C-alpha atoms as a PDB file:
ATOM      1  CA  MET A   1      96.507  21.827-130.270  1.00  0.00           C
ATOM      2  CA  THR A   2     100.003  22.632-129.035  1.00  0.00           C
ATOM      3  CA  GLY A   3     103.253  21.564-130.677  1.00  0.00           C
ATOM      4  CA  CYS A   4     105.218  18.507-129.605  1.00  0.00           C
ATOM      5  CA  SER A   5     107.803  20.645-127.827  1.00  0.00           C
ATOM      6  CA  GLU A   6     105.272  22.074-125.371  1.00  0.00           C
ATOM      7  CA  LEU A   7     104.466  19.949-122.354  1.00  0.00           C
ATOM      8  CA  ASP A   8     101.655  20.501-119.898  1.00  0.00           C
ATOM      9  CA  ASP A   9     102.374  21.029-116.201  1.00  0.00           C
ATOM     10  CA  GLU A  10     101.796  17.377-115.325  1.00  0.00           C
ATOM     11  CA  GLN A  11     104.236  16.164-117.975  1.00  0.00           C
ATOM     12  CA  GLN A  12     106.843  18.720-116.885  1.00  0.00           C
ATOM     13  CA  ALA A  13     106.477  17.632-113.248  1.00  0.00           C
ATOM     14  CA  PHE A  14     106.813  13.970-114.223  1.00  0.00           C
ATOM     15  CA  ASN A  15     109.937  14.683-116.282  1.00  0.00           C
ATOM     16  CA  SER A  16     111.419  16.644-113.384  1.00  0.00           C
ATOM     17  CA  VAL A  17     110.926  13.708-111.011  1.00  0.00           C
ATOM     18  CA  ILE A  18     112.415  11.274-113.531  1.00  0.00           C
ATOM     19  CA  ARG A  19     115.464  13.532-114.015  1.00  0.00           C
ATOM     20  CA  GLY A  20     115.974  13.666-110.236  1.00  0.00           C
ATOM     21  CA  VAL A  21     115.746   9.901-109.822  1.00  0.00           C
ATOM     22  CA  HIS A  22     117.993   9.344-112.824  1.00  0.00           C
ATOM     23  CA  ALA A  23     120.626  11.713-111.436  1.00  0.00           C
ATOM     24  CA  VAL A  24     120.694   9.910-108.082  1.00  0.00           C
ATOM     25  CA  ALA A  25     120.922   6.502-109.770  1.00  0.00           C
ATOM     26  CA  GLU A  26     123.748   7.646-112.068  1.00  0.00           C
ATOM     27  CA  ARG A  27     125.671   9.069-109.088  1.00  0.00           C
ATOM     28  CA  ALA A  28     125.241   5.823-107.144  1.00  0.00           C
ATOM     29  CA  ASN A  29     126.370   3.792-110.145  1.00  0.00           C
ATOM     30  CA  ALA A  30     129.454   5.946-110.610  1.00  0.00           C
ATOM     31  CA  LEU A  31     130.313   5.774-106.907  1.00  0.00           C
ATOM     32  CA  LEU A  32     129.995   1.995-106.866  1.00  0.00           C
ATOM     33  CA  LYS A  33     132.162   1.627-109.969  1.00  0.00           C
ATOM     34  CA  VAL A  34     134.868   3.899-108.570  1.00  0.00           C
ATOM     35  CA  THR A  35     134.835   2.282-105.134  1.00  0.00           C
ATOM     36  CA  PHE A  36     134.539  -1.317-106.295  1.00  0.00           C
ATOM     37  CA  LYS A  37     136.743  -1.758-109.352  1.00  0.00           C
ATOM     38  CA  ALA A  38     135.367  -5.259-109.889  1.00  0.00           C
ATOM     39  CA  LEU A  39     132.051  -3.742-111.014  1.00  0.00           C
ATOM     40  CA  ARG A  40     133.622  -1.946-113.975  1.00  0.00           C
ATOM     41  CA  ARG A  41     133.716  -4.968-116.275  1.00  0.00           C
ATOM     42  CA  VAL A  42     131.038  -7.296-115.006  1.00  0.00           C
ATOM     43  CA  SER A  43     129.632  -9.614-117.634  1.00  0.00           C
ATOM     44  CA  LEU A  44     126.966 -11.444-115.653  1.00  0.00           C
ATOM     45  CA  ASP A  45     123.268 -11.668-116.186  1.00  0.00           C
ATOM     46  CA  PRO A  46     121.348  -8.653-114.803  1.00  0.00           C
ATOM     47  CA  SER A  47     120.209 -10.490-111.657  1.00  0.00           C
ATOM     48  CA  GLY A  48     123.815 -11.443-110.868  1.00  0.00           C
ATOM     49  CA  ILE A  49     124.959  -7.856-111.289  1.00  0.00           C
ATOM     50  CA  THR A  50     122.075  -6.705-109.087  1.00  0.00           C
ATOM     51  CA  ARG A  51     123.122  -9.033-106.257  1.00  0.00           C
ATOM     52  CA  ILE A  52     126.727  -7.846-106.456  1.00  0.00           C
ATOM     53  CA  ALA A  53     125.699  -4.187-106.594  1.00  0.00           C
ATOM     54  CA  ARG A  54     123.397  -4.607-103.583  1.00  0.00           C
ATOM     55  CA  ALA A  55     126.173  -6.186-101.553  1.00  0.00           C
ATOM     56  CA  ALA A  56     128.624  -3.474-102.620  1.00  0.00           C
ATOM     57  CA  LEU A  57     126.128  -0.768-101.652  1.00  0.00           C
ATOM     58  CA  VAL A  58     125.705  -2.300 -98.191  1.00  0.00           C
ATOM     59  CA  LEU A  59     129.479  -2.378 -97.727  1.00  0.00           C
ATOM     60  CA  LEU A  60     129.766   1.213 -98.913  1.00  0.00           C
ATOM     61  CA  GLN A  61     127.031   2.359 -96.516  1.00  0.00           C
ATOM     62  CA  LEU A  62     128.679   0.526 -93.614  1.00  0.00           C
ATOM     63  CA  GLU A  63     132.024   2.090 -94.493  1.00  0.00           C
ATOM     64  CA  HIS A  64     130.519   5.587 -94.437  1.00  0.00           C
ATOM     65  CA  GLY A  65     128.292   4.979 -91.398  1.00  0.00           C
ATOM     66  CA  ARG A  66     125.044   5.384 -93.331  1.00  0.00           C
ATOM     67  CA  THR A  67     121.949   3.236 -93.434  1.00  0.00           C
ATOM     68  CA  ALA A  68     119.407   2.883 -96.202  1.00  0.00           C
END
């Protein structure tokens, strides 16, 4: 049996995908917070924050001429 620090190929691939998704999500979060200062100190329930973030993302995409 291998040690805990050694991962098989499938686990390494999964972790790689998760790191990629996480990096994109963190970048999007940072961009939204920089662009929309109101999102920096939001104290709503998670569904309320989600609605605001979705609307902000749409506005940001329209501003930069991008679509989802």
